[in-house]
N, C-alpha and C. Protein backbone atom coordinates (compact mmCIF):
# COMPACT_ATOMS: atom_id res chain seq x y z
N UNK A 1 135.92 88.67 100.87
CA UNK A 1 136.41 89.96 100.10
C UNK A 1 136.96 91.05 100.07
N UNK A 2 138.33 91.24 100.83
CA UNK A 2 138.72 92.04 101.17
C UNK A 2 138.76 93.52 100.30
N UNK A 3 138.54 94.67 100.55
CA UNK A 3 138.45 95.63 99.70
C UNK A 3 139.02 96.76 100.37
N UNK A 4 138.51 96.98 101.33
CA UNK A 4 139.48 98.61 101.73
C UNK A 4 139.21 99.85 101.01
N UNK A 5 137.84 100.01 101.43
CA UNK A 5 137.01 101.25 100.35
C UNK A 5 137.27 102.24 101.56
N UNK A 6 137.44 103.19 101.16
CA UNK A 6 137.72 104.73 102.26
C UNK A 6 136.93 106.10 101.80
N UNK A 7 135.60 106.21 102.37
CA UNK A 7 134.96 107.44 102.26
C UNK A 7 135.69 108.49 102.86
N UNK A 8 136.50 109.27 102.47
CA UNK A 8 136.75 110.54 103.44
C UNK A 8 135.65 111.72 104.25
N UNK A 9 134.91 112.08 102.85
CA UNK A 9 134.14 113.26 103.09
C UNK A 9 132.87 112.52 102.83
N UNK A 10 132.35 111.95 104.06
CA UNK A 10 131.01 110.93 104.12
C UNK A 10 129.46 112.20 103.97
N UNK A 11 129.82 113.28 104.24
CA UNK A 11 128.47 113.89 103.79
C UNK A 11 128.47 114.21 102.79
N UNK A 12 129.72 114.79 102.21
CA UNK A 12 129.52 115.21 100.13
C UNK A 12 129.36 114.06 99.40
N UNK A 13 130.08 112.42 99.87
CA UNK A 13 129.70 111.08 99.54
C UNK A 13 128.07 110.45 99.96
N UNK A 14 127.57 111.05 100.49
CA UNK A 14 126.31 110.49 100.74
C UNK A 14 125.57 109.31 100.01
N UNK A 15 125.30 109.82 98.87
CA UNK A 15 124.53 109.23 97.76
C UNK A 15 125.66 108.00 97.16
N UNK A 16 126.68 108.51 97.19
CA UNK A 16 127.68 107.24 96.82
C UNK A 16 127.90 106.55 97.29
N UNK A 17 128.07 106.28 98.73
CA UNK A 17 128.20 105.19 99.78
C UNK A 17 127.21 104.97 99.97
N UNK A 18 126.03 105.15 99.74
CA UNK A 18 124.79 104.32 99.93
C UNK A 18 124.42 103.41 98.94
N UNK A 19 124.76 104.34 97.45
CA UNK A 19 124.82 103.35 96.10
C UNK A 19 125.37 102.18 96.23
N UNK A 20 126.95 102.64 96.30
CA UNK A 20 127.71 101.38 96.49
C UNK A 20 127.60 100.33 96.74
N UNK A 21 126.82 100.65 98.56
CA UNK A 21 126.79 99.84 99.39
C UNK A 21 125.32 99.32 99.31
N UNK A 22 124.44 99.61 98.50
CA UNK A 22 123.08 98.64 98.21
C UNK A 22 123.20 97.33 98.11
N UNK A 23 122.62 97.34 99.05
CA UNK A 23 122.35 95.23 99.22
C UNK A 23 124.02 94.39 99.07
N UNK A 24 124.84 94.80 99.66
CA UNK A 24 125.93 94.49 99.88
C UNK A 24 126.21 93.99 101.46
N UNK A 25 126.79 92.95 101.52
CA UNK A 25 126.66 92.39 102.77
C UNK A 25 128.28 91.89 103.20
N UNK A 26 128.66 92.76 104.46
CA UNK A 26 130.08 92.77 105.02
C UNK A 26 130.61 93.58 105.98
N UNK A 27 131.30 94.10 106.34
CA UNK A 27 131.84 94.60 107.78
C UNK A 27 132.17 95.81 107.57
N UNK A 28 132.41 97.16 108.24
CA UNK A 28 132.49 98.47 108.05
C UNK A 28 133.04 98.85 108.99
N UNK A 29 133.85 100.07 108.88
CA UNK A 29 134.62 100.86 110.19
C UNK A 29 134.27 102.44 110.22
N UNK A 30 134.01 102.94 111.30
CA UNK A 30 133.77 104.08 111.16
C UNK A 30 135.08 104.75 112.16
N UNK A 31 135.61 105.72 111.56
CA UNK A 31 136.37 106.62 112.30
C UNK A 31 136.23 108.03 112.33
N UNK A 32 137.16 108.55 113.56
CA UNK A 32 137.21 109.30 114.10
C UNK A 32 137.95 110.03 113.72
N UNK A 33 138.36 111.02 112.74
CA UNK A 33 139.64 111.63 112.28
C UNK A 33 140.26 112.31 113.30
N UNK A 34 139.39 112.83 114.32
CA UNK A 34 140.50 113.44 115.68
C UNK A 34 140.80 112.78 116.63
N UNK A 35 140.44 111.89 116.64
CA UNK A 35 140.61 110.72 118.37
C UNK A 35 141.24 109.51 117.85
N UNK A 36 140.60 109.04 116.21
CA UNK A 36 141.20 107.89 116.08
C UNK A 36 140.62 106.92 116.43
N UNK A 37 139.37 107.01 117.02
CA UNK A 37 139.14 105.98 117.72
C UNK A 37 137.49 105.56 116.86
N UNK A 38 137.58 104.54 116.86
CA UNK A 38 136.71 103.71 115.23
C UNK A 38 135.83 102.69 116.13
N UNK A 39 134.75 102.77 115.33
CA UNK A 39 133.52 101.44 115.46
C UNK A 39 133.60 100.24 114.15
N UNK A 40 133.25 98.94 114.96
CA UNK A 40 133.49 97.88 113.69
C UNK A 40 132.05 97.56 113.74
N UNK A 41 131.22 97.41 112.91
CA UNK A 41 130.05 96.99 112.44
C UNK A 41 130.23 95.85 111.22
N UNK A 42 129.31 95.40 111.10
CA UNK A 42 128.38 94.81 110.36
C UNK A 42 127.23 94.79 109.73
N UNK A 43 127.04 93.89 108.42
CA UNK A 43 125.14 94.10 107.86
C UNK A 43 124.85 93.38 106.72
N UNK A 44 123.95 92.83 106.89
CA UNK A 44 123.35 91.99 105.51
C UNK A 44 122.96 92.81 104.40
N UNK A 45 122.76 94.51 104.60
CA UNK A 45 122.68 95.42 103.66
C UNK A 45 123.85 96.64 104.09
N UNK A 46 124.94 96.97 103.91
CA UNK A 46 125.43 97.91 104.44
C UNK A 46 124.70 99.44 103.93
N UNK A 47 124.43 99.72 102.56
CA UNK A 47 124.04 100.50 102.36
C UNK A 47 122.80 100.85 102.85
N UNK A 48 121.59 100.03 103.36
CA UNK A 48 120.63 100.67 104.54
C UNK A 48 121.18 100.45 105.66
N UNK A 49 122.13 100.19 106.03
CA UNK A 49 122.71 99.63 107.48
C UNK A 49 123.41 101.17 107.84
N UNK A 50 124.12 102.06 106.75
CA UNK A 50 125.30 103.34 106.74
C UNK A 50 123.87 104.47 106.47
N UNK A 51 122.77 104.21 105.93
CA UNK A 51 121.43 105.35 105.54
C UNK A 51 121.10 105.86 107.10
N UNK A 52 120.97 104.70 107.86
CA UNK A 52 120.27 105.05 109.50
C UNK A 52 121.19 106.12 110.12
N UNK A 53 122.88 105.97 109.80
CA UNK A 53 123.75 106.91 110.27
C UNK A 53 123.77 108.28 109.60
N UNK A 54 122.89 108.48 108.26
CA UNK A 54 123.01 109.80 108.26
C UNK A 54 121.49 110.41 108.74
N UNK A 55 120.50 109.96 109.30
CA UNK A 55 119.58 110.58 109.85
C UNK A 55 119.58 110.44 111.26
N UNK A 56 120.05 112.03 111.32
CA UNK A 56 120.04 112.63 113.03
C UNK A 56 118.87 112.09 114.03
N UNK A 57 118.00 112.10 113.25
CA UNK A 57 116.30 111.87 114.39
C UNK A 57 116.64 110.11 114.76
N UNK A 58 117.18 109.73 113.76
CA UNK A 58 117.56 108.15 114.24
C UNK A 58 118.77 108.13 115.42
N UNK A 59 119.62 109.14 115.21
CA UNK A 59 120.64 109.01 115.93
C UNK A 59 120.13 109.40 117.09
N UNK A 60 119.59 110.11 117.44
CA UNK A 60 119.28 110.72 118.75
C UNK A 60 118.78 109.91 119.24
N UNK A 61 117.13 108.83 118.86
CA UNK A 61 116.48 108.15 119.54
C UNK A 61 117.16 107.07 120.10
N UNK A 62 118.47 106.49 119.07
CA UNK A 62 119.32 105.33 119.43
C UNK A 62 119.90 105.61 120.91
N UNK A 63 120.37 107.34 120.77
CA UNK A 63 121.53 107.49 121.68
C UNK A 63 120.91 107.10 123.03
N UNK A 64 119.55 108.02 122.89
CA UNK A 64 118.26 107.74 124.09
C UNK A 64 118.11 106.33 124.67
N UNK A 65 117.77 105.99 123.88
CA UNK A 65 117.46 103.92 124.03
C UNK A 65 118.72 103.15 124.67
N UNK A 66 119.87 103.65 123.88
CA UNK A 66 120.64 102.36 124.12
C UNK A 66 122.08 103.33 124.40
N UNK A 67 122.23 104.49 124.51
CA UNK A 67 123.87 104.92 125.20
C UNK A 67 124.24 105.07 123.99
N UNK A 68 124.61 104.29 122.77
CA UNK A 68 125.26 104.04 122.11
C UNK A 68 126.68 105.05 121.71
N UNK A 69 127.80 104.43 121.63
CA UNK A 69 129.19 105.36 121.91
C UNK A 69 129.09 106.02 120.51
N UNK A 70 129.11 105.47 119.55
CA UNK A 70 129.35 105.39 118.11
C UNK A 70 128.34 106.90 117.65
N UNK A 71 127.19 106.50 117.64
CA UNK A 71 126.21 107.93 117.70
C UNK A 71 126.32 108.67 118.31
N UNK A 72 126.60 108.71 119.85
CA UNK A 72 127.17 110.04 120.72
C UNK A 72 127.89 110.39 119.79
N UNK A 73 129.23 110.07 119.70
CA UNK A 73 130.15 111.01 118.95
C UNK A 73 129.89 111.73 117.67
N UNK A 74 129.16 111.00 116.79
CA UNK A 74 128.60 111.80 115.56
C UNK A 74 127.72 112.84 115.86
N UNK A 75 126.89 112.66 116.68
CA UNK A 75 126.21 113.61 116.99
C UNK A 75 127.16 115.14 117.95
N UNK A 76 127.87 114.67 118.28
CA UNK A 76 128.74 115.63 119.39
C UNK A 76 129.94 116.13 118.37
N UNK A 77 130.44 115.58 117.30
CA UNK A 77 131.84 115.78 116.80
C UNK A 77 130.97 116.25 115.28
N UNK A 78 129.94 116.11 114.50
CA UNK A 78 129.29 116.01 113.38
C UNK A 78 130.38 115.10 112.67
N UNK A 79 129.68 114.84 111.01
CA UNK A 79 129.87 113.76 110.40
C UNK A 79 130.98 114.56 109.70
N UNK A 80 131.59 115.43 109.71
CA UNK A 80 132.65 115.71 108.78
C UNK A 80 133.99 115.64 109.25
N UNK A 81 134.19 114.64 111.17
CA UNK A 81 135.04 114.41 111.78
C UNK A 81 135.52 112.81 111.58
N UNK A 82 134.33 112.54 110.45
CA UNK A 82 134.42 110.69 110.50
C UNK A 82 134.37 109.87 109.13
N UNK A 83 135.59 109.08 108.57
CA UNK A 83 135.58 108.32 107.43
C UNK A 83 134.59 106.76 108.14
N UNK A 84 134.20 107.05 106.58
CA UNK A 84 133.52 105.22 106.65
C UNK A 84 134.86 104.42 105.75
N UNK A 85 134.74 103.34 105.93
CA UNK A 85 135.68 102.54 105.88
C UNK A 85 135.05 101.00 105.33
N UNK A 86 134.61 100.62 104.33
CA UNK A 86 134.48 99.35 104.09
C UNK A 86 135.67 98.36 103.92
N UNK A 87 135.72 97.65 105.24
CA UNK A 87 136.95 96.61 105.34
C UNK A 87 136.92 95.40 104.33
N UNK A 88 135.61 94.93 104.35
CA UNK A 88 135.65 93.83 103.68
C UNK A 88 134.06 93.29 103.25
N UNK A 89 133.54 93.06 101.79
CA UNK A 89 132.05 92.56 100.97
C UNK A 89 132.24 90.93 101.85
N UNK A 90 131.40 90.31 101.76
CA UNK A 90 131.19 88.69 102.95
C UNK A 90 130.21 88.64 101.99
N UNK A 91 129.64 86.97 102.30
CA UNK A 91 128.79 86.35 102.39
C UNK A 91 127.99 86.59 103.71
N UNK A 92 126.53 86.46 103.50
CA UNK A 92 125.72 86.83 104.77
C UNK A 92 126.05 85.75 105.82
N UNK A 93 126.47 84.53 105.74
CA UNK A 93 126.40 83.70 106.88
C UNK A 93 127.76 83.84 107.01
N UNK A 94 128.81 84.71 106.59
CA UNK A 94 129.87 85.06 107.07
C UNK A 94 130.38 86.03 108.19
N UNK A 95 129.10 87.24 108.04
CA UNK A 95 128.90 88.40 108.45
C UNK A 95 129.66 88.57 109.93
N UNK A 96 129.20 87.92 110.98
CA UNK A 96 129.45 88.14 112.33
C UNK A 96 130.92 87.51 112.61
N UNK A 97 131.45 86.02 111.99
CA UNK A 97 132.31 85.77 111.96
C UNK A 97 133.73 87.03 111.65
N UNK A 98 133.16 87.49 110.35
CA UNK A 98 134.18 87.95 110.13
C UNK A 98 134.53 89.73 110.67
N UNK A 99 133.11 90.30 111.42
CA UNK A 99 133.16 91.20 112.31
C UNK A 99 133.82 90.85 113.18
N UNK A 100 133.70 89.83 114.23
CA UNK A 100 134.54 89.15 115.19
C UNK A 100 135.85 89.44 114.96
N UNK A 101 136.60 88.73 113.38
CA UNK A 101 137.86 89.03 113.40
C UNK A 101 138.14 90.37 113.23
N UNK A 102 137.62 91.17 112.90
CA UNK A 102 138.02 92.66 113.12
C UNK A 102 138.07 93.53 114.40
N UNK A 103 137.07 93.03 115.31
CA UNK A 103 137.23 93.75 116.36
C UNK A 103 138.17 93.00 117.34
N UNK A 104 138.51 91.79 117.22
CA UNK A 104 139.73 91.18 117.79
C UNK A 104 140.97 91.67 117.35
N UNK A 105 140.78 91.69 116.22
CA UNK A 105 142.39 92.37 115.71
C UNK A 105 142.69 93.98 115.76
N UNK A 106 141.37 95.11 115.92
CA UNK A 106 141.32 95.98 116.08
C UNK A 106 141.12 97.13 117.09
N UNK A 107 140.51 96.10 118.46
CA UNK A 107 140.14 96.48 119.24
C UNK A 107 139.06 97.63 119.55
N UNK A 108 138.15 98.16 118.87
CA UNK A 108 137.42 99.35 118.85
C UNK A 108 137.05 99.91 119.94
N UNK A 109 137.47 101.32 120.21
CA UNK A 109 136.85 102.06 121.51
C UNK A 109 135.16 102.62 121.10
N UNK A 110 134.64 102.47 119.79
CA UNK A 110 133.51 102.66 119.80
C UNK A 110 132.32 101.65 120.35
N UNK A 111 133.11 100.60 120.28
CA UNK A 111 131.92 99.26 120.25
C UNK A 111 131.20 99.14 121.56
N UNK A 112 130.53 99.19 121.98
CA UNK A 112 129.92 98.64 123.45
C UNK A 112 130.28 97.06 123.74
N UNK A 113 129.54 96.49 122.91
CA UNK A 113 129.67 94.64 122.64
C UNK A 113 131.02 94.94 121.94
N UNK A 114 131.84 93.96 122.67
CA UNK A 114 132.69 93.18 121.91
C UNK A 114 132.52 91.57 121.37
N UNK A 115 131.64 91.49 121.52
CA UNK A 115 131.40 89.95 120.66
C UNK A 115 130.23 90.46 119.69
N UNK A 116 130.21 89.76 118.59
CA UNK A 116 129.85 90.03 117.39
C UNK A 116 128.32 89.85 117.12
N UNK A 117 127.26 90.39 117.30
CA UNK A 117 126.05 89.49 117.55
C UNK A 117 125.59 89.46 118.73
N UNK A 118 126.31 89.98 119.88
CA UNK A 118 125.71 89.71 120.84
C UNK A 118 125.58 91.01 122.04
N UNK A 119 125.03 91.34 122.84
CA UNK A 119 125.15 92.65 123.61
C UNK A 119 126.33 92.50 124.81
N UNK A 120 126.98 91.42 124.50
CA UNK A 120 127.59 91.14 125.72
C UNK A 120 128.57 92.52 126.30
N UNK A 121 128.65 93.23 127.39
CA UNK A 121 129.08 94.48 128.00
C UNK A 121 128.08 95.68 127.80
N UNK A 122 126.91 95.39 126.76
CA UNK A 122 126.07 96.59 126.87
C UNK A 122 125.73 96.66 127.84
N UNK A 123 125.27 97.81 128.58
CA UNK A 123 124.80 98.67 129.46
C UNK A 123 123.18 99.46 128.69
N UNK A 124 122.24 99.36 129.40
CA UNK A 124 121.01 99.93 129.47
C UNK A 124 120.86 101.61 130.14
N UNK A 125 120.32 102.38 129.40
CA UNK A 125 121.19 103.91 129.87
C UNK A 125 119.61 103.43 131.05
N UNK A 126 120.02 104.97 131.89
CA UNK A 126 119.07 104.90 133.39
C UNK A 126 117.91 104.70 133.05
N UNK A 127 117.44 105.99 131.90
CA UNK A 127 116.17 105.89 131.63
C UNK A 127 115.65 104.53 131.25
N UNK A 128 116.15 103.41 130.65
CA UNK A 128 115.44 102.06 130.19
C UNK A 128 115.36 101.52 131.14
N UNK A 129 116.32 101.34 132.04
CA UNK A 129 116.30 101.21 133.18
C UNK A 129 114.87 101.04 134.33
N UNK A 130 114.96 102.38 134.33
CA UNK A 130 113.57 102.90 135.01
C UNK A 130 112.48 101.94 134.59
N UNK A 131 112.30 102.19 133.19
CA UNK A 131 111.39 101.37 132.76
C UNK A 131 111.12 100.20 132.95
N UNK A 132 112.03 99.78 132.97
CA UNK A 132 111.90 98.22 133.44
C UNK A 132 111.50 97.99 134.55
N UNK A 133 112.35 99.01 135.75
CA UNK A 133 111.96 98.79 137.18
C UNK A 133 110.23 99.12 137.37
N UNK A 134 109.83 100.15 136.31
CA UNK A 134 108.37 100.24 136.44
C UNK A 134 107.53 99.26 136.20
N UNK A 135 108.00 98.57 134.87
CA UNK A 135 107.45 97.49 134.55
C UNK A 135 106.97 96.57 135.46
N UNK A 136 107.89 96.29 136.52
CA UNK A 136 107.95 95.51 137.75
C UNK A 136 107.39 95.74 138.51
N UNK A 137 107.16 96.93 138.60
CA UNK A 137 106.35 97.72 139.61
C UNK A 137 105.05 98.02 139.55
N UNK A 138 104.43 97.45 138.54
CA UNK A 138 103.11 97.65 137.74
C UNK A 138 102.60 99.17 137.56
N UNK A 139 103.73 99.95 137.04
CA UNK A 139 103.66 101.48 136.92
C UNK A 139 104.03 102.03 135.47
N UNK A 140 104.72 100.44 134.63
CA UNK A 140 104.71 100.89 133.74
C UNK A 140 103.68 100.50 132.35
N UNK A 141 103.99 99.65 131.21
CA UNK A 141 102.68 99.51 130.38
C UNK A 141 101.76 98.48 130.67
N UNK A 142 100.45 98.33 131.04
CA UNK A 142 99.66 97.78 131.16
C UNK A 142 99.05 97.21 130.17
N UNK A 143 98.71 95.82 130.10
CA UNK A 143 98.25 95.49 129.14
C UNK A 143 96.57 94.79 129.29
N UNK A 144 95.48 95.33 129.07
CA UNK A 144 94.37 94.63 129.39
C UNK A 144 93.72 93.75 128.68
N UNK A 145 93.25 92.71 128.84
CA UNK A 145 92.34 91.84 128.21
C UNK A 145 91.07 91.90 127.89
N UNK A 146 89.97 91.82 126.97
CA UNK A 146 89.10 92.15 127.69
C UNK A 146 88.39 91.02 126.59
N UNK A 147 87.91 89.94 127.56
CA UNK A 147 86.90 88.84 126.97
C UNK A 147 85.41 89.31 126.07
N UNK A 148 85.51 89.07 124.60
CA UNK A 148 84.43 89.61 124.27
C UNK A 148 82.98 88.62 124.64
N UNK A 149 83.32 87.38 125.05
CA UNK A 149 82.08 86.90 125.07
C UNK A 149 81.54 86.87 126.71
N UNK A 150 82.04 87.44 127.56
CA UNK A 150 81.87 87.41 128.88
C UNK A 150 82.06 88.63 129.19
N UNK A 151 82.54 90.01 128.84
CA UNK A 151 82.86 91.10 128.87
C UNK A 151 84.05 90.85 130.41
N UNK A 152 84.56 90.26 130.29
CA UNK A 152 85.57 90.02 131.82
C UNK A 152 86.70 90.49 131.31
N UNK A 153 87.22 91.67 132.00
CA UNK A 153 88.62 92.28 132.17
C UNK A 153 89.57 91.97 132.58
N UNK A 154 91.20 91.58 132.43
CA UNK A 154 92.21 91.53 133.33
C UNK A 154 92.88 92.10 132.48
N UNK A 155 93.90 92.48 133.57
CA UNK A 155 95.16 93.81 133.46
C UNK A 155 96.28 93.02 133.56
N UNK A 156 97.43 93.12 132.78
CA UNK A 156 98.58 92.47 132.91
C UNK A 156 99.59 93.57 133.31
N UNK A 157 101.15 93.21 134.02
CA UNK A 157 101.51 93.98 134.13
C UNK A 157 102.63 94.74 132.65
N UNK A 158 102.38 93.48 131.97
CA UNK A 158 103.54 93.94 130.78
C UNK A 158 102.50 92.83 129.53
N UNK A 159 103.23 93.00 128.40
CA UNK A 159 102.36 91.96 127.09
C UNK A 159 102.69 91.34 127.41
N UNK A 160 103.97 90.93 127.65
CA UNK A 160 104.49 89.16 127.95
C UNK A 160 103.83 88.66 129.03
N UNK A 161 103.30 89.26 130.20
CA UNK A 161 102.06 88.46 131.39
C UNK A 161 101.05 88.52 130.38
N UNK A 162 99.94 88.78 129.51
CA UNK A 162 99.19 88.75 129.08
C UNK A 162 99.68 87.70 127.68
N UNK A 163 100.78 88.10 127.02
CA UNK A 163 100.70 86.76 126.18
C UNK A 163 101.01 85.02 126.40
N UNK A 164 101.35 85.57 127.67
CA UNK A 164 101.85 84.34 128.42
C UNK A 164 100.08 83.71 128.80
N UNK A 165 99.52 84.34 129.54
CA UNK A 165 98.09 83.88 129.91
C UNK A 165 97.00 83.21 128.79
N UNK A 166 97.71 84.24 127.25
CA UNK A 166 97.00 83.44 126.44
C UNK A 166 97.80 82.57 125.53
N UNK A 167 98.78 82.19 125.93
CA UNK A 167 99.81 80.66 125.02
C UNK A 167 100.41 81.38 124.07
N UNK A 168 100.95 82.40 123.68
CA UNK A 168 100.92 83.10 122.72
C UNK A 168 102.25 83.84 123.02
N UNK A 169 102.92 84.27 121.79
CA UNK A 169 104.41 84.79 121.91
C UNK A 169 103.84 86.46 122.05
N UNK A 170 104.66 87.49 122.50
CA UNK A 170 104.48 88.65 123.09
C UNK A 170 104.73 88.88 121.85
N UNK A 171 105.33 88.73 120.66
CA UNK A 171 105.08 89.35 119.35
C UNK A 171 103.48 89.22 118.65
N UNK A 172 103.03 87.58 118.38
CA UNK A 172 101.85 87.84 118.01
C UNK A 172 100.95 88.79 119.01
N UNK A 173 101.26 88.66 119.77
CA UNK A 173 99.87 89.80 120.93
C UNK A 173 100.13 91.28 120.48
N UNK A 174 101.45 91.44 120.30
CA UNK A 174 101.85 92.97 120.04
C UNK A 174 101.18 93.24 118.64
N UNK A 175 101.28 92.24 117.52
CA UNK A 175 100.57 92.25 116.49
C UNK A 175 99.48 92.37 116.38
N UNK A 176 98.54 91.67 117.50
CA UNK A 176 97.07 91.96 117.43
C UNK A 176 96.68 93.29 118.19
N UNK A 177 97.78 93.99 118.74
CA UNK A 177 97.59 95.07 119.58
C UNK A 177 97.45 96.15 118.66
N UNK A 178 98.57 96.48 117.43
CA UNK A 178 98.75 97.11 116.50
C UNK A 178 97.22 96.99 115.33
N UNK A 179 96.78 95.96 115.02
CA UNK A 179 95.98 95.88 114.26
C UNK A 179 94.47 95.54 114.67
N UNK A 180 94.56 95.86 115.88
CA UNK A 180 93.06 96.06 116.83
C UNK A 180 92.29 94.75 116.35
N UNK A 181 92.42 93.71 116.25
CA UNK A 181 91.86 92.46 116.03
C UNK A 181 91.52 91.88 117.35
N UNK A 182 90.58 91.12 117.09
CA UNK A 182 90.55 89.93 118.38
C UNK A 182 91.59 88.76 118.10
N UNK A 183 92.06 88.24 119.31
CA UNK A 183 92.58 86.98 119.44
C UNK A 183 92.28 86.22 120.54
N UNK A 184 91.75 85.05 119.71
CA UNK A 184 90.85 84.16 120.64
C UNK A 184 89.69 84.63 121.48
N UNK A 185 88.82 85.69 121.24
CA UNK A 185 87.73 86.22 121.86
C UNK A 185 88.16 87.26 122.85
N UNK A 186 89.07 87.82 122.25
CA UNK A 186 90.13 88.59 123.65
C UNK A 186 90.52 89.99 122.88
N UNK A 187 89.79 90.80 122.96
CA UNK A 187 90.44 91.92 123.00
C UNK A 187 91.68 93.38 123.43
N UNK A 188 92.60 93.00 122.86
CA UNK A 188 94.00 93.65 123.78
C UNK A 188 94.16 94.78 123.11
N UNK A 189 94.62 95.64 124.52
CA UNK A 189 94.42 96.65 124.72
C UNK A 189 96.10 97.15 125.44
N UNK A 190 97.13 98.44 125.36
CA UNK A 190 97.59 98.72 126.21
C UNK A 190 97.44 99.91 126.41
N UNK A 191 97.68 99.94 127.70
CA UNK A 191 97.00 101.28 128.49
C UNK A 191 98.56 101.90 129.12
N UNK A 192 98.46 102.99 129.04
CA UNK A 192 99.72 103.78 129.35
C UNK A 192 100.09 104.80 130.87
């Protein structure tokens, strides 16, 4: 359903923006009023997604990790230089298709990935690339498996390598690390 709702003073209208878009799925556009450059995004909960844009710490963290153009622009220019527009509310199943339609139509300059739902065109920051390199050289996060039956200790260069050894997914292994639980008689620890 096309709607074209525009919020011009986003800081003044923050609570209205979040309330009006709570639990609504669809496509949104964030525009720099000075340069007319914009970002096209989508979410199954636009209110929740937009709430992240109002967190300076979130923007700083994501800019460091992912080199986001839109987050950098907001941090550099301030909220008062941007508008938020809801382009369309739609069914969750149609979000990516609708986002792709608007990306193709409007050619947004702040979007790094020009394929909705993909990282095509995305480039990791130098800091992230160094972390990947260090992990490959065994100087990143080391994962330690301690067999509680015989006290054997094995070290792996990554959580994925340890998970492969245990024949579980890395997300399962991360959960056991976080919860400090045994997995198949192994205690799992991360060493930095």
